[in-house]
Amino acid sequence: MRSSLGLKVALIVNPTAGSGAAGRAAPTVQRALERLGASVTLGATKQPGDATRLARESRDAHLDCTVVMGGDGTLNEVCQAYIDQRGEPLAGPPLALVPSGTGGDFRKTLGLGTDLEANVEHLVRSEPRPLDLGILEASAHDGRPVTRAFVNITSFGLGGLTDRIVNAGPKWLGGKSAFFLGTLRALVAYQNAAVRIKVDGTVWLESAVVNVALANGRFFGGGMQIAPEADPADGLFDVVALGDLTRLQTVGLTQRVYAGTHLGQPQISSTRGAAVEAEALAPNAEVLIDMDGETPGRLPLRARIAAGALRFRG
């Protein structure tokens, strides 16, 4: 077995993540890796798709680890390198995360703090562990089919509209504030969508909903603990539905969602499963999808877990 020291590492940096925090911190992280004996190939993203390309280059070069510096969106983009065009998992170097983005939700599930050098030492000295990968098939905004991978959470309903608003607005507020204010703005415009959801082939829910999360991780939306019992290595999604709530009820539930104490409340349903299908019941309804802070498309969707498809350091 290769020593945890002397790793050949691809360091993929989104220099704009966290309002430029990732770019400013990249030299510190590179030096910390090199002090611990790693050989570092640095790649900075300049446009959408670059993180996926750099991760594929890391796999083709047979490197020992791909380290992501950025937020949940950058990590999501890297994960696209771990599936083929049919959505089948591809082997690749273990992943590691040095959080430095706006949202930073998946790091909370992993138990990662914000101390850069502590995170670097932890990832270098850790042995890779298996993590699940979500595979999503949905309709892109132009109606064409789209297949995407996700490591944290895909949701639909209010979350998709919130992403559209947040991604169009300024990020200087920080993750939690930007997503909270974006959610409030989305609430004003959003109308509860009637959907049918199947879990592992059986109809689980047929109702109007505020939002439904297919959770591999626990947090989304800048710190909302939507799926407090989710385990990204158990081979299952935690499916959490916020049902036909009024706007006032949804706002009143917000602090419970941040704290992860909403399960069991009225109009909150949850289950677990390895495959989920969802469709809008109203003709021509646009129910937007949120995937790790991005908006890849709309319902209908099919999602499945690829158990243990990723290996993760840290």
Protein backbone atom coordinates (compact mmCIF):
# COMPACT_ATOMS: atom_id res chain seq x y z
CA MET A 1 0.00 0.00 0.00
CA ARG A 2 1.27 3.47 -0.93
CA SER A 3 2.26 5.62 2.05
CA SER A 4 -0.14 8.43 2.89
CA LEU A 5 2.87 10.74 2.42
CA GLY A 6 4.45 11.35 -0.98
CA LEU A 7 1.08 11.66 -2.69
CA LYS A 8 0.75 12.89 -6.25
CA VAL A 9 -2.05 15.44 -5.95
CA ALA A 10 -4.14 17.48 -8.35
CA LEU A 11 -5.22 20.69 -6.60
CA ILE A 12 -8.29 22.08 -8.39
CA VAL A 13 -9.06 25.64 -7.33
CA ASN A 14 -12.07 27.79 -8.15
CA PRO A 15 -10.40 31.18 -7.55
CA THR A 16 -13.74 33.01 -7.37
CA ALA A 17 -15.28 30.72 -4.73
CA GLY A 18 -16.10 32.38 -1.43
CA SER A 19 -15.84 35.83 -3.02
CA GLY A 20 -12.24 35.11 -3.97
CA ALA A 21 -11.24 33.38 -0.71
CA ALA A 22 -10.27 30.16 -2.50
CA GLY A 23 -7.93 31.91 -4.91
CA ARG A 24 -6.25 33.86 -2.12
CA ALA A 25 -5.77 30.71 -0.02
CA ALA A 26 -4.53 28.44 -2.83
CA PRO A 27 -0.80 29.19 -2.34
CA THR A 28 -1.11 28.45 1.39
CA VAL A 29 -2.76 25.08 0.67
CA GLN A 30 -0.20 24.19 -1.98
CA ARG A 31 2.68 24.94 0.39
CA ALA A 32 1.03 22.93 3.17
CA LEU A 33 0.64 19.92 0.86
CA GLU A 34 4.25 20.16 -0.26
CA ARG A 35 5.52 20.44 3.32
CA LEU A 36 3.79 17.11 3.97
CA GLY A 37 5.60 15.51 1.05
CA ALA A 38 2.93 15.79 -1.65
CA SER A 39 3.73 16.55 -5.27
CA VAL A 40 1.14 19.11 -6.41
CA THR A 41 -0.26 19.88 -9.85
CA LEU A 42 -2.24 23.12 -9.54
CA GLY A 43 -5.19 23.85 -11.82
CA ALA A 44 -7.42 26.93 -11.59
CA THR A 45 -10.88 27.10 -13.12
CA LYS A 46 -11.75 29.98 -15.42
CA GLN A 47 -15.18 28.99 -16.72
CA PRO A 48 -17.93 26.39 -16.17
CA GLY A 49 -16.75 22.89 -17.02
CA ASP A 50 -13.09 23.51 -16.16
CA ALA A 51 -13.29 21.64 -12.85
CA THR A 52 -14.69 18.57 -14.62
CA ARG A 53 -11.96 18.74 -17.26
CA LEU A 54 -9.20 19.09 -14.66
CA ALA A 55 -10.60 16.15 -12.66
CA ARG A 56 -10.60 13.98 -15.80
CA GLU A 57 -6.99 14.95 -16.41
CA SER A 58 -6.18 13.90 -12.84
CA ARG A 59 -7.75 10.49 -13.50
CA ASP A 60 -5.95 10.08 -16.82
CA ALA A 61 -2.62 10.93 -15.15
CA HIS A 62 -3.23 8.24 -12.48
CA LEU A 63 -2.68 10.69 -9.65
CA ASP A 64 -3.24 9.65 -6.04
CA CYS A 65 -5.75 12.30 -5.01
CA THR A 66 -7.85 15.14 -6.42
CA VAL A 67 -8.15 17.98 -3.90
CA VAL A 68 -10.98 20.46 -4.45
CA MET A 69 -10.70 24.06 -3.25
CA GLY A 70 -14.07 25.74 -3.57
CA GLY A 71 -17.65 25.33 -2.51
CA ASP A 72 -20.37 22.81 -3.15
CA GLY A 73 -20.73 23.90 -6.77
CA THR A 74 -17.05 23.26 -7.51
CA LEU A 75 -17.19 19.86 -5.81
CA ASN A 76 -20.30 19.01 -7.82
CA GLU A 77 -18.54 19.92 -11.05
CA VAL A 78 -15.58 17.69 -10.15
CA CYS A 79 -17.97 14.79 -9.48
CA GLN A 80 -19.10 14.90 -13.12
CA ALA A 81 -15.72 13.36 -14.00
CA TYR A 82 -16.75 10.23 -12.07
CA ILE A 83 -19.60 9.21 -14.40
CA ASP A 84 -19.70 8.40 -18.11
CA GLN A 85 -22.19 9.74 -20.65
CA ARG A 86 -24.71 7.04 -19.67
CA GLY A 87 -24.46 7.97 -16.00
CA GLU A 88 -22.44 4.91 -15.02
CA PRO A 89 -19.77 5.42 -12.33
CA LEU A 90 -16.13 5.71 -13.38
CA ALA A 91 -13.15 4.86 -11.18
CA GLY A 92 -10.84 7.73 -10.38
CA PRO A 93 -8.49 9.14 -7.76
CA PRO A 94 -9.84 9.61 -4.24
CA LEU A 95 -11.34 13.04 -3.67
CA ALA A 96 -10.60 15.48 -0.88
CA LEU A 97 -12.13 18.83 -0.02
CA VAL A 98 -10.53 21.98 1.32
CA PRO A 99 -13.68 24.08 1.87
CA SER A 100 -13.50 27.68 0.69
CA GLY A 101 -16.81 28.45 -1.02
CA THR A 102 -19.97 30.40 -0.30
CA GLY A 103 -22.21 27.57 0.89
CA GLY A 104 -19.91 24.91 2.29
CA ASP A 105 -22.71 22.48 3.08
CA PHE A 106 -21.11 19.12 2.32
CA ARG A 107 -18.12 19.87 4.52
CA LYS A 108 -20.47 19.96 7.50
CA THR A 109 -21.63 16.38 6.84
CA LEU A 110 -17.97 15.34 6.58
CA GLY A 111 -17.15 17.14 9.83
CA LEU A 112 -14.56 19.41 8.19
CA GLY A 113 -13.75 22.73 9.80
CA THR A 114 -12.43 25.88 8.13
CA ASP A 115 -8.78 25.69 9.25
CA LEU A 116 -6.94 25.24 5.96
CA GLU A 117 -3.75 23.65 7.24
CA ALA A 118 -5.61 21.31 9.60
CA ASN A 119 -7.76 20.14 6.69
CA VAL A 120 -4.69 19.57 4.53
CA GLU A 121 -2.92 17.52 7.18
CA HIS A 122 -6.06 15.49 7.81
CA LEU A 123 -6.58 14.63 4.14
CA VAL A 124 -2.94 13.71 3.55
CA ARG A 125 -2.78 11.38 6.54
CA SER A 126 -6.24 9.82 6.08
CA GLU A 127 -6.91 6.57 4.28
CA PRO A 128 -9.57 6.79 1.54
CA ARG A 129 -13.07 5.74 2.58
CA PRO A 130 -16.06 4.93 0.33
CA LEU A 131 -18.79 7.48 -0.24
CA ASP A 132 -21.97 7.18 -2.28
CA LEU A 133 -22.63 9.11 -5.46
CA GLY A 134 -26.06 10.21 -6.62
CA ILE A 135 -26.90 9.90 -10.32
CA LEU A 136 -29.66 12.18 -11.64
CA GLU A 137 -31.57 11.99 -14.92
CA ALA A 138 -33.85 14.95 -15.59
CA SER A 139 -35.09 17.43 -18.18
CA ALA A 140 -32.77 20.33 -18.92
CA HIS A 141 -34.27 23.80 -19.20
CA ASP A 142 -34.45 23.40 -22.99
CA GLY A 143 -36.30 20.07 -22.64
CA ARG A 144 -33.39 17.80 -23.56
CA PRO A 145 -32.46 14.94 -21.22
CA VAL A 146 -29.58 15.65 -18.84
CA THR A 147 -27.58 13.24 -16.66
CA ARG A 148 -25.63 14.58 -13.71
CA ALA A 149 -23.82 13.28 -10.64
CA PHE A 150 -24.16 14.74 -7.16
CA VAL A 151 -22.50 14.00 -3.85
CA ASN A 152 -24.62 16.11 -1.51
CA ILE A 153 -28.31 16.90 -2.13
CA THR A 154 -30.67 17.27 -5.04
CA SER A 155 -34.01 18.90 -4.32
CA PHE A 156 -36.92 20.26 -6.29
CA GLY A 157 -39.54 22.91 -5.72
CA LEU A 158 -38.69 25.98 -3.69
CA GLY A 159 -35.00 24.99 -3.61
CA GLY A 160 -34.66 25.18 -7.39
CA LEU A 161 -36.22 28.63 -7.53
CA THR A 162 -34.03 29.76 -4.61
CA ASP A 163 -30.91 28.68 -6.51
CA ARG A 164 -31.98 30.65 -9.54
CA ILE A 165 -32.38 33.77 -7.38
CA VAL A 166 -29.20 33.29 -5.33
CA ASN A 167 -27.00 32.53 -8.33
CA ALA A 168 -28.23 35.70 -10.03
CA GLY A 169 -27.47 37.84 -6.97
CA PRO A 170 -24.37 39.00 -5.06
CA LYS A 171 -22.34 36.54 -2.94
CA TRP A 172 -20.73 39.07 -0.61
CA LEU A 173 -23.39 38.43 2.03
CA GLY A 174 -21.95 34.97 2.71
CA GLY A 175 -23.55 31.57 2.30
CA LYS A 176 -26.11 31.46 5.09
CA SER A 177 -27.35 35.03 4.61
CA ALA A 178 -27.46 34.78 0.81
CA PHE A 179 -29.45 31.55 0.85
CA PHE A 180 -31.76 32.72 3.64
CA LEU A 181 -32.63 35.94 1.82
CA GLY A 182 -32.89 34.06 -1.47
CA THR A 183 -35.34 31.64 0.13
CA LEU A 184 -37.50 34.50 1.40
CA ARG A 185 -37.57 36.06 -2.07
CA ALA A 186 -38.40 32.71 -3.65
CA LEU A 187 -41.24 32.17 -1.17
CA VAL A 188 -42.98 35.27 -2.45
CA ALA A 189 -43.02 33.92 -6.03
CA TYR A 190 -43.30 30.16 -5.48
CA GLN A 191 -46.59 28.26 -5.76
CA ASN A 192 -46.68 24.80 -4.16
CA ALA A 193 -46.26 22.19 -6.89
CA ALA A 194 -48.33 19.00 -7.10
CA VAL A 195 -46.00 16.03 -7.61
CA ARG A 196 -45.96 12.25 -7.58
CA ILE A 197 -42.91 10.58 -6.03
CA LYS A 198 -41.93 6.94 -6.22
CA VAL A 199 -39.24 5.46 -3.95
CA ASP A 200 -37.77 2.12 -4.98
CA GLY A 201 -40.63 1.67 -7.47
CA THR A 202 -43.55 2.33 -5.08
CA VAL A 203 -45.60 5.54 -4.90
CA TRP A 204 -44.57 7.21 -1.66
CA LEU A 205 -46.13 10.68 -1.93
CA GLU A 206 -48.71 12.35 -4.16
CA SER A 207 -49.25 15.88 -2.95
CA ALA A 208 -48.55 19.55 -3.39
CA VAL A 209 -45.13 20.31 -1.89
CA VAL A 210 -42.96 23.22 -0.92
CA ASN A 211 -39.74 21.26 -1.46
CA VAL A 212 -38.46 17.69 -1.63
CA ALA A 213 -34.83 16.75 -0.91
CA LEU A 214 -33.01 13.64 -2.09
CA ALA A 215 -30.23 13.70 0.43
CA ASN A 216 -26.86 11.99 0.41
CA GLY A 217 -25.48 14.63 2.79
CA ARG A 218 -27.29 16.40 5.61
CA PHE A 219 -27.10 20.11 4.82
CA PHE A 220 -28.07 22.38 1.96
CA GLY A 221 -29.01 26.01 1.34
CA GLY A 222 -26.18 27.53 3.36
CA GLY A 223 -26.55 25.44 6.51
CA MET A 224 -30.12 24.08 6.53
CA GLN A 225 -29.99 20.59 8.10
CA ILE A 226 -32.70 19.20 5.87
CA ALA A 227 -31.75 15.53 6.38
CA PRO A 228 -30.23 15.27 9.85
CA GLU A 229 -29.97 11.47 9.74
CA ALA A 230 -28.45 11.14 6.25
CA ASP A 231 -25.27 9.06 5.91
CA PRO A 232 -23.34 9.51 2.63
CA ALA A 233 -21.96 5.97 2.91
CA ASP A 234 -25.13 3.92 3.62
CA GLY A 235 -26.19 3.28 0.01
CA LEU A 236 -29.50 5.15 0.44
CA PHE A 237 -31.02 8.57 -0.10
CA ASP A 238 -32.83 10.21 2.79
CA VAL A 239 -35.93 11.61 1.07
CA VAL A 240 -37.48 14.53 2.95
CA ALA A 241 -40.64 16.31 1.75
CA LEU A 242 -41.97 19.62 3.01
CA GLY A 243 -45.63 19.21 2.07
CA ASP A 244 -48.46 21.59 1.30
CA LEU A 245 -47.43 24.31 3.74
CA THR A 246 -48.49 27.93 3.57
CA ARG A 247 -45.85 30.64 3.23
CA LEU A 248 -46.29 31.54 6.90
CA GLN A 249 -45.92 27.90 7.96
CA THR A 250 -42.80 27.54 5.80
CA VAL A 251 -41.18 30.62 7.33
CA GLY A 252 -42.12 29.38 10.81
CA LEU A 253 -40.40 26.06 10.05
CA THR A 254 -37.15 27.65 8.88
CA GLN A 255 -35.32 27.64 12.20
CA ARG A 256 -36.31 24.02 12.79
CA VAL A 257 -34.81 23.10 9.41
CA TYR A 258 -31.56 24.88 10.25
CA ALA A 259 -31.46 22.99 13.56
CA GLY A 260 -32.53 19.67 12.02
CA THR A 261 -35.54 19.33 14.32
CA HIS A 262 -38.28 19.46 11.66
CA LEU A 263 -38.72 15.71 11.09
CA GLY A 264 -42.02 14.54 12.55
CA GLN A 265 -43.63 17.97 12.30
CA PRO A 266 -46.99 18.28 10.47
CA GLN A 267 -46.68 18.09 6.66
CA ILE A 268 -43.09 16.80 6.91
CA SER A 269 -42.57 13.31 5.45
CA SER A 270 -39.38 11.29 5.21
CA THR A 271 -38.23 7.90 3.97
CA ARG A 272 -35.13 6.17 2.62
CA GLY A 273 -34.46 4.48 -0.69
CA ALA A 274 -31.87 3.78 -3.37
CA ALA A 275 -33.96 5.03 -6.32
CA VAL A 276 -36.39 7.95 -6.61
CA GLU A 277 -38.67 9.08 -9.44
CA ALA A 278 -40.64 12.33 -9.41
CA GLU A 279 -43.00 14.04 -11.83
CA ALA A 280 -45.17 17.13 -11.80
CA LEU A 281 -48.90 16.40 -11.88
CA ALA A 282 -50.02 19.68 -13.45
CA PRO A 283 -49.60 19.93 -17.26
CA ASN A 284 -46.68 22.16 -18.31
CA ALA A 285 -45.69 22.85 -14.69
CA GLU A 286 -42.08 24.02 -14.28
CA VAL A 287 -40.75 22.45 -11.08
CA LEU A 288 -37.10 23.46 -10.85
CA ILE A 289 -34.31 21.22 -9.55
CA ASP A 290 -31.57 22.26 -7.13
CA MET A 291 -28.39 20.19 -7.22
CA ASP A 292 -25.61 21.20 -4.84
CA GLY A 293 -26.51 24.86 -5.38
CA GLU A 294 -26.87 24.63 -9.17
CA THR A 295 -30.01 24.44 -11.35
CA PRO A 296 -29.54 21.66 -13.94
CA GLY A 297 -33.19 21.45 -15.05
CA ARG A 298 -36.70 20.51 -13.99
CA LEU A 299 -39.02 17.58 -13.38
CA PRO A 300 -39.49 14.80 -14.31
CA LEU A 301 -36.45 13.22 -12.67
CA ARG A 302 -35.01 9.84 -11.83
CA ALA A 303 -32.25 9.51 -9.26
CA ARG A 304 -30.32 6.51 -8.03
CA ILE A 305 -27.49 5.85 -5.59
CA ALA A 306 -24.20 4.45 -6.80
CA ALA A 307 -23.10 2.95 -3.49
CA GLY A 308 -19.44 3.47 -2.67
CA ALA A 309 -18.69 4.91 -6.13
CA LEU A 310 -16.37 7.56 -4.68
CA ARG A 311 -13.41 7.29 -2.36
CA PHE A 312 -12.83 10.24 -0.08
CA ARG A 313 -9.87 11.44 1.96
CA GLY A 314 -10.64 13.43 5.08
